[in-house]
Amino acid sequence: MQSVGNVVDGIAAVNTIPAKIYNDKGEQALPGQNRLVSGTCGAGIKWAGLNMVKRLKALRDELGMKFAIVGVGGVMSTADYYEYKNAGADAVMSATGAMWNPLLAQEIKRTINN
């Protein structure tokens, strides 16, 4: 099996997606100069994270490469974790979901191998 270069053991994607963030008045929502475009995360980007995992898995399979795929983006629940695993992720990370639910990792862990 071919590896990805000599230094890449895995690929984690996606972290955020840049988007224009407006408040309900149509103004820049985040404070600070030139902050209209900001990285969006959480449930709103799960579609992109799942899509990237599927694309990376297809590439790895097609080219016979060896690298870990870490699914990231919108992991807010145990169901989200399994969506990523079923899409081909070797591991799954959560940031926003874990921020809103500090017990998320424990909830997922309870379901593994049960």
N, C-alpha and C. Protein backbone atom coordinates (compact mmCIF):
# COMPACT_ATOMS: atom_id res chain seq x y z
N MET A 1 0.84 -1.17 0.00
CA MET A 1 0.00 0.00 0.00
C MET A 1 0.89 1.24 0.00
N GLN A 2 0.55 2.21 -0.80
CA GLN A 2 1.30 3.46 -0.93
C GLN A 2 0.84 4.44 0.15
N SER A 3 1.79 5.15 0.77
CA SER A 3 1.42 6.18 1.74
C SER A 3 1.32 7.53 1.04
N VAL A 4 0.78 8.51 1.75
CA VAL A 4 0.67 9.86 1.20
C VAL A 4 1.95 10.59 1.58
N GLY A 5 2.89 10.65 0.65
CA GLY A 5 4.17 11.28 0.94
C GLY A 5 4.91 10.52 2.03
N ASN A 6 5.91 11.15 2.58
CA ASN A 6 6.69 10.52 3.63
C ASN A 6 6.31 11.01 5.02
N VAL A 7 5.43 11.98 5.11
CA VAL A 7 5.13 12.57 6.41
C VAL A 7 3.65 12.60 6.77
N VAL A 8 2.77 12.26 5.87
CA VAL A 8 1.33 12.35 6.14
C VAL A 8 0.80 11.01 6.61
N ASP A 9 0.32 10.99 7.85
CA ASP A 9 -0.28 9.78 8.40
C ASP A 9 -1.80 9.84 8.36
N GLY A 10 -2.33 11.03 8.26
CA GLY A 10 -3.78 11.17 8.26
C GLY A 10 -4.21 12.55 7.80
N ILE A 11 -5.49 12.63 7.46
CA ILE A 11 -6.06 13.90 7.00
C ILE A 11 -7.33 14.14 7.81
N ALA A 12 -7.42 15.31 8.43
CA ALA A 12 -8.62 15.72 9.17
C ALA A 12 -9.31 16.83 8.38
N ALA A 13 -10.58 16.63 8.10
CA ALA A 13 -11.31 17.65 7.35
C ALA A 13 -12.81 17.49 7.59
N VAL A 14 -13.55 18.55 7.70
CA VAL A 14 -13.23 19.96 7.51
C VAL A 14 -13.38 20.66 8.86
N ASN A 15 -12.65 21.74 9.03
CA ASN A 15 -12.71 22.46 10.30
C ASN A 15 -13.78 23.56 10.25
N THR A 16 -13.64 24.48 9.34
CA THR A 16 -14.64 25.54 9.16
C THR A 16 -14.78 25.83 7.67
N ILE A 17 -15.84 26.52 7.34
CA ILE A 17 -16.06 26.98 5.96
C ILE A 17 -16.28 28.48 6.03
N PRO A 18 -15.51 29.25 5.26
CA PRO A 18 -15.70 30.70 5.29
C PRO A 18 -17.05 31.09 4.67
N ALA A 19 -17.72 32.00 5.35
CA ALA A 19 -19.01 32.49 4.86
C ALA A 19 -19.25 33.89 5.40
N LYS A 20 -20.09 34.64 4.72
CA LYS A 20 -20.48 35.96 5.20
C LYS A 20 -21.50 35.77 6.33
N ILE A 21 -21.23 36.40 7.47
CA ILE A 21 -22.07 36.24 8.65
C ILE A 21 -22.77 37.57 8.94
N TYR A 22 -24.10 37.57 8.73
CA TYR A 22 -24.91 38.76 8.94
C TYR A 22 -25.80 38.58 10.17
N ASN A 23 -26.14 39.69 10.82
CA ASN A 23 -27.13 39.64 11.89
C ASN A 23 -28.53 39.81 11.28
N ASP A 24 -29.54 39.85 12.12
CA ASP A 24 -30.91 39.93 11.61
C ASP A 24 -31.24 41.27 10.95
N LYS A 25 -30.34 42.26 11.07
CA LYS A 25 -30.52 43.55 10.41
C LYS A 25 -29.76 43.63 9.09
N GLY A 26 -29.10 42.54 8.71
CA GLY A 26 -28.33 42.52 7.48
C GLY A 26 -26.95 43.14 7.61
N GLU A 27 -26.50 43.33 8.85
CA GLU A 27 -25.19 43.92 9.10
C GLU A 27 -24.19 42.84 9.48
N GLN A 28 -22.91 43.18 9.42
CA GLN A 28 -21.86 42.27 9.86
C GLN A 28 -22.16 41.84 11.30
N ALA A 29 -22.22 40.54 11.55
CA ALA A 29 -22.61 40.05 12.87
C ALA A 29 -21.47 40.01 13.87
N LEU A 30 -20.27 39.72 13.42
CA LEU A 30 -19.15 39.58 14.34
C LEU A 30 -18.42 40.91 14.50
N PRO A 31 -17.99 41.23 15.72
CA PRO A 31 -17.31 42.50 15.93
C PRO A 31 -15.91 42.51 15.32
N GLY A 32 -15.44 43.71 15.00
CA GLY A 32 -14.10 43.86 14.46
C GLY A 32 -14.12 44.22 12.99
N GLN A 33 -13.07 44.91 12.57
CA GLN A 33 -12.96 45.34 11.18
C GLN A 33 -12.72 44.14 10.28
N ASN A 34 -13.36 44.13 9.12
CA ASN A 34 -13.19 43.08 8.10
C ASN A 34 -13.54 41.69 8.61
N ARG A 35 -14.58 41.57 9.42
CA ARG A 35 -14.99 40.27 9.95
C ARG A 35 -16.29 39.77 9.32
N LEU A 36 -16.72 40.37 8.21
CA LEU A 36 -17.94 39.89 7.58
C LEU A 36 -17.80 38.42 7.20
N VAL A 37 -16.66 38.06 6.63
CA VAL A 37 -16.41 36.66 6.29
C VAL A 37 -15.69 36.02 7.48
N SER A 38 -16.26 34.93 7.95
CA SER A 38 -15.68 34.24 9.10
C SER A 38 -15.86 32.74 8.90
N GLY A 39 -15.09 31.96 9.62
CA GLY A 39 -15.22 30.52 9.55
C GLY A 39 -16.48 30.07 10.27
N THR A 40 -17.33 29.32 9.58
CA THR A 40 -18.52 28.78 10.21
C THR A 40 -18.27 27.32 10.56
N CYS A 41 -18.88 26.88 11.64
CA CYS A 41 -18.65 25.51 12.10
C CYS A 41 -19.94 24.96 12.68
N GLY A 42 -19.87 23.73 13.17
CA GLY A 42 -21.03 23.12 13.80
C GLY A 42 -21.95 22.45 12.79
N ALA A 43 -23.19 22.28 13.19
CA ALA A 43 -24.16 21.52 12.41
C ALA A 43 -24.32 22.03 10.98
N GLY A 44 -24.11 23.32 10.77
CA GLY A 44 -24.29 23.90 9.45
C GLY A 44 -23.28 23.44 8.41
N ILE A 45 -22.19 22.82 8.83
CA ILE A 45 -21.18 22.36 7.86
C ILE A 45 -21.03 20.83 7.85
N LYS A 46 -21.91 20.13 8.53
CA LYS A 46 -21.80 18.67 8.57
C LYS A 46 -21.84 18.06 7.18
N TRP A 47 -22.67 18.60 6.32
CA TRP A 47 -22.77 18.09 4.95
C TRP A 47 -21.39 18.08 4.27
N ALA A 48 -20.62 19.14 4.50
CA ALA A 48 -19.31 19.25 3.87
C ALA A 48 -18.31 18.27 4.48
N GLY A 49 -18.37 18.10 5.78
CA GLY A 49 -17.49 17.14 6.44
C GLY A 49 -17.74 15.72 5.97
N LEU A 50 -19.01 15.34 5.90
CA LEU A 50 -19.36 14.00 5.42
C LEU A 50 -18.95 13.81 3.97
N ASN A 51 -19.18 14.82 3.16
CA ASN A 51 -18.79 14.75 1.76
C ASN A 51 -17.29 14.55 1.61
N MET A 52 -16.51 15.28 2.41
CA MET A 52 -15.06 15.18 2.33
C MET A 52 -14.58 13.80 2.78
N VAL A 53 -15.16 13.26 3.83
CA VAL A 53 -14.79 11.91 4.28
C VAL A 53 -15.04 10.90 3.16
N LYS A 54 -16.19 10.98 2.52
CA LYS A 54 -16.51 10.05 1.42
C LYS A 54 -15.52 10.20 0.28
N ARG A 55 -15.16 11.44 -0.04
CA ARG A 55 -14.21 11.68 -1.13
C ARG A 55 -12.82 11.17 -0.78
N LEU A 56 -12.39 11.41 0.46
CA LEU A 56 -11.06 10.92 0.88
C LEU A 56 -11.01 9.40 0.89
N LYS A 57 -12.10 8.76 1.35
CA LYS A 57 -12.13 7.30 1.37
C LYS A 57 -12.08 6.74 -0.04
N ALA A 58 -12.83 7.34 -0.95
CA ALA A 58 -12.81 6.88 -2.35
C ALA A 58 -11.41 7.03 -2.95
N LEU A 59 -10.75 8.14 -2.66
CA LEU A 59 -9.40 8.37 -3.16
C LEU A 59 -8.43 7.34 -2.58
N ARG A 60 -8.52 7.13 -1.28
CA ARG A 60 -7.64 6.16 -0.63
C ARG A 60 -7.84 4.77 -1.21
N ASP A 61 -9.09 4.37 -1.40
CA ASP A 61 -9.38 3.05 -1.96
C ASP A 61 -8.91 2.94 -3.41
N GLU A 62 -9.22 3.95 -4.20
CA GLU A 62 -8.89 3.93 -5.63
C GLU A 62 -7.38 3.86 -5.86
N LEU A 63 -6.62 4.60 -5.07
CA LEU A 63 -5.18 4.67 -5.28
C LEU A 63 -4.38 3.72 -4.39
N GLY A 64 -5.07 2.96 -3.55
CA GLY A 64 -4.39 2.03 -2.66
C GLY A 64 -3.46 2.72 -1.68
N MET A 65 -3.88 3.87 -1.20
CA MET A 65 -3.04 4.65 -0.29
C MET A 65 -3.32 4.26 1.16
N LYS A 66 -2.41 4.68 2.01
CA LYS A 66 -2.53 4.38 3.43
C LYS A 66 -2.47 5.68 4.22
N PHE A 67 -3.61 6.13 4.71
CA PHE A 67 -3.67 7.29 5.60
C PHE A 67 -4.99 7.22 6.37
N ALA A 68 -4.96 7.75 7.58
CA ALA A 68 -6.16 7.79 8.41
C ALA A 68 -7.03 8.96 7.97
N ILE A 69 -8.33 8.75 8.05
CA ILE A 69 -9.30 9.81 7.74
C ILE A 69 -9.98 10.19 9.05
N VAL A 70 -9.87 11.47 9.40
CA VAL A 70 -10.50 11.98 10.61
C VAL A 70 -11.65 12.89 10.18
N GLY A 71 -12.86 12.46 10.48
CA GLY A 71 -14.04 13.24 10.12
C GLY A 71 -14.27 14.36 11.11
N VAL A 72 -14.51 15.56 10.58
CA VAL A 72 -14.70 16.75 11.40
C VAL A 72 -15.79 17.61 10.77
N GLY A 73 -16.60 18.21 11.60
CA GLY A 73 -17.59 19.17 11.10
C GLY A 73 -19.00 18.79 11.47
N GLY A 74 -19.57 19.47 12.44
CA GLY A 74 -20.98 19.27 12.78
C GLY A 74 -21.28 18.01 13.57
N VAL A 75 -20.31 17.50 14.29
CA VAL A 75 -20.56 16.31 15.13
C VAL A 75 -21.17 16.81 16.43
N MET A 76 -22.49 16.72 16.49
CA MET A 76 -23.23 17.24 17.63
C MET A 76 -23.89 16.14 18.46
N SER A 77 -23.89 14.91 17.95
CA SER A 77 -24.60 13.82 18.62
C SER A 77 -23.96 12.49 18.31
N THR A 78 -24.40 11.47 19.01
CA THR A 78 -23.95 10.10 18.74
C THR A 78 -24.30 9.70 17.31
N ALA A 79 -25.46 10.09 16.85
CA ALA A 79 -25.86 9.76 15.47
C ALA A 79 -24.90 10.38 14.46
N ASP A 80 -24.45 11.60 14.72
CA ASP A 80 -23.49 12.25 13.83
C ASP A 80 -22.19 11.47 13.80
N TYR A 81 -21.74 11.00 14.95
CA TYR A 81 -20.52 10.19 15.02
C TYR A 81 -20.64 8.98 14.09
N TYR A 82 -21.75 8.27 14.18
CA TYR A 82 -21.92 7.07 13.35
C TYR A 82 -22.09 7.40 11.88
N GLU A 83 -22.65 8.55 11.56
CA GLU A 83 -22.70 8.96 10.15
C GLU A 83 -21.30 9.09 9.58
N TYR A 84 -20.41 9.69 10.35
CA TYR A 84 -19.02 9.84 9.90
C TYR A 84 -18.33 8.48 9.79
N LYS A 85 -18.53 7.64 10.78
CA LYS A 85 -17.90 6.31 10.74
C LYS A 85 -18.42 5.53 9.53
N ASN A 86 -19.70 5.57 9.28
CA ASN A 86 -20.29 4.86 8.13
C ASN A 86 -19.85 5.45 6.80
N ALA A 87 -19.48 6.72 6.80
CA ALA A 87 -18.99 7.36 5.57
C ALA A 87 -17.54 6.99 5.27
N GLY A 88 -16.84 6.43 6.29
CA GLY A 88 -15.46 6.00 6.06
C GLY A 88 -14.42 6.61 6.97
N ALA A 89 -14.84 7.39 7.96
CA ALA A 89 -13.87 7.99 8.88
C ALA A 89 -13.28 6.93 9.80
N ASP A 90 -11.98 6.99 10.00
CA ASP A 90 -11.31 6.11 10.95
C ASP A 90 -11.46 6.65 12.37
N ALA A 91 -11.55 7.95 12.48
CA ALA A 91 -11.74 8.63 13.76
C ALA A 91 -12.64 9.83 13.51
N VAL A 92 -13.27 10.33 14.58
CA VAL A 92 -14.19 11.45 14.46
C VAL A 92 -13.88 12.45 15.57
N MET A 93 -13.82 13.72 15.20
CA MET A 93 -13.56 14.78 16.18
C MET A 93 -14.77 15.69 16.29
N SER A 94 -14.93 16.27 17.47
CA SER A 94 -15.98 17.25 17.69
C SER A 94 -15.40 18.42 18.46
N ALA A 95 -15.75 19.61 18.05
CA ALA A 95 -15.36 20.82 18.79
C ALA A 95 -16.62 21.55 19.24
N THR A 96 -17.42 22.02 18.30
CA THR A 96 -18.63 22.75 18.64
C THR A 96 -19.59 21.87 19.42
N GLY A 97 -19.78 20.62 18.97
CA GLY A 97 -20.68 19.71 19.68
C GLY A 97 -20.24 19.46 21.10
N ALA A 98 -18.94 19.28 21.30
CA ALA A 98 -18.41 19.04 22.64
C ALA A 98 -18.50 20.31 23.49
N MET A 99 -18.45 21.47 22.84
CA MET A 99 -18.59 22.71 23.58
C MET A 99 -20.02 22.84 24.13
N TRP A 100 -21.00 22.49 23.31
CA TRP A 100 -22.40 22.60 23.74
C TRP A 100 -22.81 21.44 24.63
N ASN A 101 -22.16 20.29 24.46
CA ASN A 101 -22.47 19.11 25.28
C ASN A 101 -21.16 18.49 25.75
N PRO A 102 -20.66 18.89 26.92
CA PRO A 102 -19.38 18.38 27.40
C PRO A 102 -19.37 16.87 27.63
N LEU A 103 -20.52 16.24 27.66
CA LEU A 103 -20.59 14.78 27.87
C LEU A 103 -20.69 14.01 26.55
N LEU A 104 -20.56 14.70 25.43
CA LEU A 104 -20.73 14.06 24.12
C LEU A 104 -19.81 12.85 23.94
N ALA A 105 -18.55 12.98 24.26
CA ALA A 105 -17.61 11.86 24.09
C ALA A 105 -18.03 10.67 24.95
N GLN A 106 -18.47 10.92 26.16
CA GLN A 106 -18.92 9.82 27.02
C GLN A 106 -20.16 9.14 26.45
N GLU A 107 -21.07 9.93 25.91
CA GLU A 107 -22.30 9.39 25.32
C GLU A 107 -21.95 8.49 24.13
N ILE A 108 -21.01 8.93 23.30
CA ILE A 108 -20.59 8.13 22.15
C ILE A 108 -19.90 6.87 22.62
N LYS A 109 -18.99 7.01 23.56
CA LYS A 109 -18.22 5.87 24.04
C LYS A 109 -19.12 4.76 24.59
N ARG A 110 -20.20 5.14 25.25
CA ARG A 110 -21.13 4.14 25.80
C ARG A 110 -21.77 3.28 24.72
N THR A 111 -21.83 3.80 23.49
CA THR A 111 -22.51 3.06 22.41
C THR A 111 -21.56 2.18 21.60
N ILE A 112 -20.27 2.38 21.76
CA ILE A 112 -19.29 1.63 20.96
C ILE A 112 -19.18 0.21 21.49
N ASN A 113 -19.28 -0.76 20.58
CA ASN A 113 -19.20 -2.19 20.90
C ASN A 113 -20.29 -2.66 21.85
N ASN A 114 -21.43 -2.00 21.82
CA ASN A 114 -22.57 -2.44 22.64
C ASN A 114 -23.66 -2.99 21.79
